[in-house]
N, C-alpha and C. Protein backbone atom coordinates (compact mmCIF):
# COMPACT_ATOMS: atom_id res chain seq x y z
N UNK A 1 -7.21 -11.77 0.74
CA UNK A 1 -6.65 -10.56 1.18
C UNK A 1 -7.66 -9.85 2.32
N UNK A 2 -8.82 -10.16 2.18
CA UNK A 2 -10.03 -9.70 3.06
C UNK A 2 -9.84 -10.33 4.50
N UNK A 3 -9.58 -11.45 4.07
CA UNK A 3 -9.32 -12.73 5.56
C UNK A 3 -8.41 -12.21 6.02
N UNK A 4 -7.20 -12.16 5.48
CA UNK A 4 -5.84 -11.72 6.30
C UNK A 4 -5.88 -10.18 7.11
N UNK A 5 -6.60 -9.22 6.34
CA UNK A 5 -6.62 -7.92 6.86
C UNK A 5 -7.55 -8.17 8.13
N UNK A 6 -8.59 -8.80 7.93
CA UNK A 6 -9.46 -8.95 9.45
C UNK A 6 -8.43 -9.52 10.54
N UNK A 7 -7.65 -10.62 10.26
CA UNK A 7 -6.69 -11.14 10.84
C UNK A 7 -6.13 -9.99 11.45
N UNK A 8 -5.42 -9.35 10.68
CA UNK A 8 -4.61 -8.31 11.20
C UNK A 8 -5.15 -7.23 12.01
N UNK A 9 -6.39 -6.90 11.59
CA UNK A 9 -7.16 -6.08 12.46
C UNK A 9 -7.35 -6.38 13.95
N UNK A 10 -7.49 -7.84 14.12
CA UNK A 10 -7.59 -8.61 15.46
C UNK A 10 -5.99 -8.49 16.15
N UNK A 11 -5.12 -8.45 15.65
CA UNK A 11 -3.82 -8.51 15.95
C UNK A 11 -3.60 -10.01 16.32
N UNK A 12 -4.06 -10.92 15.31
CA UNK A 12 -3.59 -12.05 14.86
C UNK A 12 -2.65 -12.14 13.91
N UNK A 13 -1.30 -12.11 14.33
CA UNK A 13 -0.34 -11.87 13.05
C UNK A 13 0.04 -13.03 12.23
N UNK A 14 -0.22 -14.52 13.18
CA UNK A 14 0.22 -15.39 12.56
C UNK A 14 -0.91 -15.78 11.66
N UNK A 15 -1.99 -15.97 11.75
CA UNK A 15 -3.11 -15.89 10.64
C UNK A 15 -3.15 -15.25 9.35
N UNK A 16 -2.63 -13.68 9.80
CA UNK A 16 -2.65 -12.64 8.71
C UNK A 16 -1.38 -13.29 7.89
N UNK A 17 -0.75 -13.15 8.49
CA UNK A 17 0.75 -13.77 7.79
C UNK A 17 0.18 -15.10 6.95
N UNK A 18 -0.18 -16.05 7.32
CA UNK A 18 -0.37 -16.93 6.66
C UNK A 18 -1.43 -16.93 5.78
N UNK A 19 -1.95 -15.86 5.65
CA UNK A 19 -3.38 -15.45 4.63
C UNK A 19 -2.69 -14.57 3.27
N UNK A 20 -1.87 -13.79 3.92
CA UNK A 20 -1.14 -12.72 2.93
C UNK A 20 -0.16 -13.61 1.87
N UNK A 21 0.77 -14.52 2.82
CA UNK A 21 1.91 -15.09 2.20
C UNK A 21 1.65 -15.90 1.28
N UNK A 22 0.10 -17.11 1.46
CA UNK A 22 -0.08 -18.05 0.48
C UNK A 22 -0.49 -17.36 -0.75
N UNK A 23 -0.68 -16.07 -1.03
CA UNK A 23 -1.36 -15.66 -1.98
C UNK A 23 -0.14 -15.27 -3.04
N UNK A 24 1.03 -15.51 -2.65
CA UNK A 24 2.54 -14.81 -3.23
C UNK A 24 2.99 -16.38 -4.10
N UNK A 25 2.56 -15.98 -5.43
CA UNK A 25 3.15 -17.28 -6.50
C UNK A 25 3.92 -16.77 -7.61
N UNK A 26 4.15 -15.43 -7.50
CA UNK A 26 5.16 -15.54 -8.50
C UNK A 26 4.61 -14.57 -9.65
N UNK A 27 3.39 -14.01 -9.44
CA UNK A 27 2.51 -12.90 -10.64
C UNK A 27 3.79 -11.44 -10.90
N UNK A 28 3.88 -11.32 -9.58
CA UNK A 28 4.58 -9.86 -9.73
C UNK A 28 3.47 -8.97 -9.98
N UNK A 29 2.49 -8.85 -9.99
CA UNK A 29 1.68 -7.75 -10.12
C UNK A 29 1.58 -7.18 -8.77
N UNK A 30 0.46 -6.11 -9.27
CA UNK A 30 0.31 -5.29 -8.01
C UNK A 30 -0.29 -5.78 -6.85
N UNK A 31 -1.37 -6.55 -6.95
CA UNK A 31 -1.93 -7.30 -6.31
C UNK A 31 -0.87 -8.27 -5.12
N UNK A 32 0.06 -8.82 -5.61
CA UNK A 32 1.05 -9.54 -5.19
C UNK A 32 1.88 -8.89 -4.46
N UNK A 33 2.15 -7.47 -4.91
CA UNK A 33 3.06 -6.54 -4.04
C UNK A 33 2.59 -6.29 -2.87
N UNK A 34 1.35 -6.08 -2.98
CA UNK A 34 0.54 -5.43 -1.75
C UNK A 34 0.66 -6.61 -0.64
N UNK A 35 0.88 -7.77 -1.35
CA UNK A 35 0.57 -9.31 -0.45
C UNK A 35 1.83 -9.22 0.42
N UNK A 36 2.94 -9.16 -0.69
CA UNK A 36 4.27 -9.37 -0.06
C UNK A 36 4.62 -8.34 1.10
N UNK A 37 4.00 -6.86 0.96
CA UNK A 37 4.25 -5.80 1.86
C UNK A 37 3.40 -6.04 2.82
N UNK A 38 2.17 -6.45 3.16
CA UNK A 38 1.48 -7.18 4.08
C UNK A 38 2.03 -8.28 4.84
N UNK A 39 2.70 -9.27 4.02
CA UNK A 39 3.08 -10.30 4.70
C UNK A 39 4.25 -9.99 5.83
N UNK A 40 5.46 -9.00 4.93
CA UNK A 40 6.42 -8.64 5.75
C UNK A 40 6.28 -7.86 6.94
N UNK A 41 5.03 -7.04 7.13
CA UNK A 41 4.74 -6.13 8.17
C UNK A 41 4.11 -7.46 9.48
N UNK A 42 3.31 -8.26 8.69
CA UNK A 42 2.74 -9.34 9.78
C UNK A 42 3.94 -9.77 10.38
N UNK A 43 5.36 -10.30 9.68
CA UNK A 43 6.49 -11.00 10.06
C UNK A 43 6.93 -10.05 11.41
N UNK A 44 7.06 -9.00 10.64
CA UNK A 44 7.33 -7.93 11.99
C UNK A 44 6.69 -8.02 13.26
N UNK A 45 5.28 -8.06 12.85
CA UNK A 45 4.56 -7.82 14.10
C UNK A 45 4.47 -9.28 14.86
N UNK A 46 4.77 -10.27 14.55
CA UNK A 46 5.04 -11.56 15.20
C UNK A 46 6.02 -11.70 15.94
N UNK A 47 7.08 -10.71 16.03
CA UNK A 47 8.25 -10.51 16.55
C UNK A 47 9.54 -11.30 15.66
N UNK A 48 8.96 -11.47 14.72
CA UNK A 48 10.24 -11.79 13.71
C UNK A 48 10.76 -11.02 12.77
N UNK A 49 11.22 -9.71 13.54
CA UNK A 49 11.69 -8.33 13.04
C UNK A 49 12.77 -8.50 12.02
N UNK A 50 13.84 -9.32 12.12
CA UNK A 50 14.92 -9.42 11.25
C UNK A 50 14.17 -9.81 9.91
N UNK A 51 13.26 -10.76 9.88
CA UNK A 51 12.74 -11.47 8.80
C UNK A 51 11.75 -10.47 8.06
N UNK A 52 11.09 -9.97 8.93
CA UNK A 52 9.98 -8.83 8.37
C UNK A 52 10.97 -7.56 7.78
N UNK A 53 11.91 -7.21 8.52
CA UNK A 53 12.68 -6.06 7.80
C UNK A 53 13.27 -6.26 6.39
N UNK A 54 13.75 -7.94 6.43
CA UNK A 54 14.51 -8.48 5.13
C UNK A 54 13.30 -8.26 3.96
N UNK A 55 12.09 -8.61 4.30
CA UNK A 55 10.92 -8.79 3.41
C UNK A 55 10.97 -7.58 2.78
N UNK A 56 10.59 -6.45 3.89
CA UNK A 56 10.19 -5.28 3.51
C UNK A 56 11.29 -4.67 2.41
N UNK A 57 12.66 -4.78 3.06
CA UNK A 57 13.35 -4.28 2.21
C UNK A 57 13.61 -4.93 0.48
N UNK A 58 13.30 -6.23 0.29
CA UNK A 58 13.28 -6.55 -0.59
C UNK A 58 12.30 -6.22 -1.73
N UNK A 59 10.86 -6.10 -0.92
CA UNK A 59 9.95 -5.59 -1.82
C UNK A 59 9.76 -4.09 -2.17
N UNK A 60 10.47 -3.18 -1.23
CA UNK A 60 10.73 -1.89 -1.34
C UNK A 60 12.02 -1.64 -2.52
N UNK A 61 12.43 -2.59 -2.73
CA UNK A 61 13.81 -2.33 -4.06
C UNK A 61 13.00 -2.76 -5.16
N UNK A 62 12.12 -3.62 -4.91
CA UNK A 62 11.46 -4.27 -6.42
C UNK A 62 10.66 -3.31 -6.89
N UNK A 63 9.80 -2.43 -6.02
CA UNK A 63 8.51 -1.88 -6.40
C UNK A 63 8.10 -0.52 -5.74
N UNK A 64 7.72 0.62 -6.31
CA UNK A 64 7.29 1.42 -5.14
C UNK A 64 6.19 1.11 -4.45
N UNK A 65 5.58 0.29 -5.72
CA UNK A 65 3.87 -0.17 -4.74
C UNK A 65 4.25 -0.45 -3.06
N UNK A 66 5.05 -0.85 -2.64
CA UNK A 66 5.42 -1.19 -1.19
C UNK A 66 5.12 0.23 -0.48
N UNK A 67 5.63 1.08 -0.66
CA UNK A 67 5.61 2.58 0.13
C UNK A 67 3.94 2.95 0.41
N UNK A 68 2.97 2.20 -0.45
CA UNK A 68 1.74 2.89 -0.18
C UNK A 68 1.02 1.60 0.08
N UNK A 69 1.24 0.66 -0.19
CA UNK A 69 0.63 -0.64 0.70
C UNK A 69 0.92 -0.35 2.04
N UNK A 70 2.08 -0.03 2.63
CA UNK A 70 2.61 0.21 3.70
C UNK A 70 1.66 1.02 4.56
N UNK A 71 1.59 2.16 3.70
CA UNK A 71 0.71 3.11 4.25
C UNK A 71 -0.53 2.74 4.29
N UNK A 72 -1.49 2.11 3.66
CA UNK A 72 -2.57 1.55 3.66
C UNK A 72 -2.59 0.79 4.93
N UNK A 73 -1.92 -0.52 4.92
CA UNK A 73 -2.00 -1.38 5.83
C UNK A 73 -1.82 -0.53 7.29
N UNK A 74 -0.81 0.55 7.48
CA UNK A 74 -0.67 1.25 8.70
C UNK A 74 -1.80 2.06 9.13
N UNK A 75 -2.78 2.70 8.52
CA UNK A 75 -3.81 3.31 8.35
C UNK A 75 -5.01 2.26 8.48
N UNK A 76 -4.88 1.18 8.37
CA UNK A 76 -6.09 0.07 8.74
C UNK A 76 -5.89 -0.44 9.92
N UNK A 77 -4.45 -0.77 10.36
CA UNK A 77 -4.02 -0.84 11.95
C UNK A 77 -4.69 0.03 12.68
N UNK A 78 -4.16 1.38 12.56
CA UNK A 78 -4.89 2.48 13.51
C UNK A 78 -6.54 2.54 13.73
N UNK A 79 -7.11 2.44 12.71
CA UNK A 79 -8.50 2.35 12.57
C UNK A 79 -9.10 1.29 13.28
N UNK A 80 -8.39 0.19 13.26
CA UNK A 80 -8.59 -0.91 14.03
C UNK A 80 -8.05 -0.77 15.56
N UNK A 81 -7.44 0.23 15.94
CA UNK A 81 -6.94 0.29 17.31
C UNK A 81 -5.73 -0.50 17.75
N UNK A 82 -4.79 -1.07 16.75
CA UNK A 82 -3.77 -1.89 16.99
C UNK A 82 -2.53 -1.04 16.55
N UNK A 83 -1.40 -1.68 17.43
CA UNK A 83 -0.14 -1.04 17.12
C UNK A 83 -0.04 -0.76 15.43
N UNK A 84 0.39 0.44 15.15
CA UNK A 84 0.68 0.53 13.73
C UNK A 84 2.12 0.87 13.63
N UNK A 85 3.29 -0.13 14.18
CA UNK A 85 4.76 -0.01 13.64
C UNK A 85 4.88 -1.08 12.81
N UNK A 86 5.60 -0.77 11.96
CA UNK A 86 6.00 -1.63 10.79
C UNK A 86 7.54 -1.82 10.22
N UNK A 87 8.13 -2.83 9.80
CA UNK A 87 9.47 -2.44 9.33
C UNK A 87 9.72 -0.96 8.43
N UNK A 88 11.03 -0.87 8.46
CA UNK A 88 11.48 -0.17 7.37
C UNK A 88 11.25 1.91 8.14
N UNK A 89 11.77 2.41 7.81
CA UNK A 89 11.92 3.88 8.19
C UNK A 89 10.93 4.98 7.54
N UNK A 90 10.49 4.57 6.01
CA UNK A 90 10.02 5.41 5.16
C UNK A 90 8.79 5.75 5.94
N UNK A 91 8.27 6.77 5.32
CA UNK A 91 7.08 7.41 5.91
C UNK A 91 5.56 6.63 5.59
N UNK A 92 4.46 6.56 6.73
CA UNK A 92 3.52 5.97 6.35
C UNK A 92 2.69 6.75 6.38
N UNK A 93 2.47 8.13 6.95
CA UNK A 93 1.29 9.02 6.80
C UNK A 93 0.71 9.53 5.32
N UNK A 94 -0.46 9.45 5.10
CA UNK A 94 -0.79 9.54 3.84
C UNK A 94 -0.32 10.51 3.38
N UNK A 95 -0.24 12.20 3.97
CA UNK A 95 -0.01 13.19 2.98
C UNK A 95 1.68 13.13 2.56
N UNK A 96 2.46 12.43 3.26
CA UNK A 96 3.80 12.27 2.82
C UNK A 96 3.98 11.17 1.87
N UNK A 97 3.32 10.32 1.92
CA UNK A 97 3.15 9.24 1.16
C UNK A 97 2.66 9.84 -0.24
N UNK A 98 1.53 10.50 -0.05
CA UNK A 98 0.84 11.19 -1.47
C UNK A 98 1.85 12.05 -1.87
N UNK A 99 2.83 13.12 -1.12
CA UNK A 99 3.56 13.98 -1.52
C UNK A 99 5.04 13.08 -2.37
N UNK A 100 5.22 12.30 -2.02
CA UNK A 100 6.41 11.59 -2.44
C UNK A 100 5.50 10.61 -3.83
N UNK A 101 4.39 10.19 -3.94
CA UNK A 101 4.01 9.82 -5.02
C UNK A 101 3.67 10.95 -6.18
N UNK A 102 3.32 12.19 -5.78
CA UNK A 102 3.12 13.24 -6.77
C UNK A 102 4.86 13.83 -7.39
N UNK A 103 5.79 13.56 -6.36
CA UNK A 103 6.93 13.92 -6.73
C UNK A 103 7.92 13.38 -7.63
N UNK A 104 7.02 11.75 -7.68
CA UNK A 104 7.62 10.59 -8.66
C UNK A 104 6.37 10.07 -9.24
N UNK A 105 5.91 10.79 -10.25
CA UNK A 105 4.48 9.80 -10.97
C UNK A 105 4.86 9.09 -11.80
N UNK A 106 6.09 8.98 -12.40
CA UNK A 106 6.50 7.91 -13.40
C UNK A 106 6.65 6.67 -12.60
N UNK A 107 6.87 6.76 -11.44
CA UNK A 107 7.37 5.24 -10.75
C UNK A 107 5.73 4.13 -10.77
N UNK A 108 4.63 5.10 -10.86
CA UNK A 108 3.68 4.25 -10.31
C UNK A 108 2.50 4.85 -11.93
N UNK A 109 1.69 3.52 -12.00
CA UNK A 109 0.94 3.82 -12.99
C UNK A 109 -0.42 4.54 -12.41
N UNK A 110 -1.32 5.54 -13.24
CA UNK A 110 -2.22 6.14 -13.14
C UNK A 110 -3.23 5.51 -12.16
N UNK A 111 -3.40 4.12 -12.48
CA UNK A 111 -4.44 3.48 -11.60
C UNK A 111 -3.75 3.20 -10.32
N UNK A 112 -2.92 3.28 -10.16
CA UNK A 112 -2.38 2.74 -8.74
C UNK A 112 -2.00 4.24 -8.21
N UNK A 113 -1.79 5.07 -8.58
CA UNK A 113 -1.77 6.09 -7.90
C UNK A 113 -3.20 6.86 -7.58
N UNK A 114 -4.30 6.55 -8.11
CA UNK A 114 -5.75 6.64 -8.04
C UNK A 114 -6.19 5.87 -6.91
N UNK A 115 -5.70 4.82 -7.07
CA UNK A 115 -6.20 3.76 -5.76
C UNK A 115 -5.94 4.25 -4.69
N UNK A 116 -4.37 4.62 -4.73
CA UNK A 116 -3.92 4.74 -3.13
C UNK A 116 -4.46 6.27 -2.86
N UNK A 117 -4.89 6.94 -3.63
CA UNK A 117 -5.51 8.48 -3.16
C UNK A 117 -7.00 8.39 -2.82
N UNK A 118 -7.58 7.33 -3.38
CA UNK A 118 -8.89 7.27 -3.02
C UNK A 118 -8.86 6.24 -1.67
N UNK A 119 -7.99 5.26 -1.35
CA UNK A 119 -7.95 4.63 -0.19
C UNK A 119 -7.56 4.92 0.80
N UNK A 120 -6.83 6.48 0.57
CA UNK A 120 -6.10 7.03 1.88
C UNK A 120 -7.11 8.05 2.37
N UNK A 121 -8.24 8.54 1.46
CA UNK A 121 -9.04 9.47 1.71
C UNK A 121 -10.39 9.01 2.33
N UNK A 122 -10.59 7.59 2.37
CA UNK A 122 -11.76 6.77 2.91
C UNK A 122 -13.11 7.56 1.99
N UNK A 123 -12.99 7.19 0.96
CA UNK A 123 -14.09 7.79 0.11
C UNK A 123 -15.54 6.76 0.24
N UNK A 124 -16.46 7.41 0.25
CA UNK A 124 -18.01 6.32 0.56
C UNK A 124 -17.92 5.60 -0.46
N UNK A 125 -18.24 4.22 -0.34
CA UNK A 125 -17.74 3.08 -1.46
C UNK A 125 -18.82 3.40 -2.51
N UNK A 126 -20.00 3.92 -2.34
CA UNK A 126 -20.86 4.68 -3.30
C UNK A 126 -20.18 5.42 -4.21
N UNK A 127 -19.46 6.14 -4.02
CA UNK A 127 -18.79 7.28 -4.67
C UNK A 127 -17.30 6.76 -5.30
N UNK A 128 -16.80 5.75 -5.12
CA UNK A 128 -15.60 5.17 -5.57
C UNK A 128 -15.36 5.19 -7.04
N UNK A 129 -16.66 4.76 -7.89
CA UNK A 129 -16.25 4.63 -9.28
C UNK A 129 -16.27 6.20 -10.06
N UNK A 130 -17.14 6.91 -9.24
CA UNK A 130 -16.82 8.42 -9.78
C UNK A 130 -15.67 9.05 -9.29
N UNK A 131 -15.02 8.69 -8.12
CA UNK A 131 -14.02 9.45 -7.70
C UNK A 131 -12.79 9.09 -8.54
N UNK A 132 -12.49 7.76 -8.86
CA UNK A 132 -11.50 7.24 -9.63
C UNK A 132 -11.55 7.61 -10.85
N UNK A 133 -12.67 7.77 -11.91
CA UNK A 133 -12.91 8.45 -13.08
C UNK A 133 -12.32 9.61 -13.15
N UNK A 134 -12.81 10.82 -12.14
CA UNK A 134 -12.39 12.03 -11.63
C UNK A 134 -10.66 12.24 -11.90
N UNK A 135 -10.31 11.08 -11.10
CA UNK A 135 -9.02 10.99 -10.52
C UNK A 135 -8.05 10.83 -11.93
N UNK A 136 -8.47 9.70 -12.70
CA UNK A 136 -7.58 9.34 -13.88
C UNK A 136 -7.96 10.70 -14.63
N UNK A 137 -9.10 11.24 -15.14
CA UNK A 137 -8.96 12.26 -15.97
C UNK A 137 -8.05 13.64 -15.71
N UNK A 138 -8.01 13.52 -14.32
CA UNK A 138 -6.99 14.81 -13.70
C UNK A 138 -5.68 14.24 -13.88
N UNK A 139 -5.35 13.22 -13.55
CA UNK A 139 -3.83 12.47 -13.69
C UNK A 139 -3.60 12.65 -15.21
N UNK A 140 -4.61 12.46 -15.79
CA UNK A 140 -3.92 12.17 -17.61
C UNK A 140 -3.91 13.67 -17.76
N UNK A 141 -4.37 14.60 -17.30
CA UNK A 141 -4.33 16.20 -17.75
C UNK A 141 -2.91 16.84 -16.96
N UNK A 142 -2.60 16.11 -15.77
CA UNK A 142 -1.32 16.62 -15.11
C UNK A 142 -0.28 15.91 -16.05
N UNK A 143 -0.22 14.81 -16.41
CA UNK A 143 0.66 14.00 -16.66
C UNK A 143 0.93 14.58 -18.43
N UNK A 144 -0.22 15.12 -18.93
CA UNK A 144 -0.19 15.62 -20.35
C UNK A 144 1.03 16.85 -20.23
N UNK A 145 0.39 17.76 -19.16
CA UNK A 145 1.12 18.90 -18.96
C UNK A 145 2.57 18.75 -18.70
N UNK A 146 2.80 17.76 -17.89
CA UNK A 146 4.36 17.48 -17.63
C UNK A 146 5.02 16.99 -19.41
N UNK A 147 4.26 16.51 -19.84
CA UNK A 147 5.16 15.75 -20.91
C UNK A 147 5.20 16.65 -22.26
N UNK A 148 4.54 17.72 -21.71
CA UNK A 148 4.50 18.99 -22.94
C UNK A 148 5.65 20.08 -22.32
N UNK A 149 5.95 19.55 -20.74
CA UNK A 149 7.05 20.95 -20.32
C UNK A 149 6.20 22.02 -19.69
N UNK A 150 4.84 21.70 -19.29
CA UNK A 150 4.55 22.77 -18.79
C UNK A 150 4.84 22.54 -17.35
């Protein structure tokens, strides 16, 4: 994944796609869903818009994880100074995606929600564990209140 993202940050879409795509082996876990999303975005960036959009549409239908994977991908491209256009019309800005996640909490695991919020806020690497633990405690409290009808 790191190598693929390094290629993407350089605008080397062919090698980025190859690195993301080869990791897709059918596990259907969150990591693979991210790789599928990144591969779809790379196909789009390679000039294969129809294939990129078809891949994005498929992953978006399968899992909500694609929405925030795509947002993280866009942010990393922006930081690297690359064009951040990607397939699909769904929002990619962190606040809109965070709002969507907040409105649909049952679509994501607590861990996935915290990982996204940590990633978009560019937390100091030394603080990640502390922030994740605090985030999980907060989400547990929020979900508990929702379950009780508050």
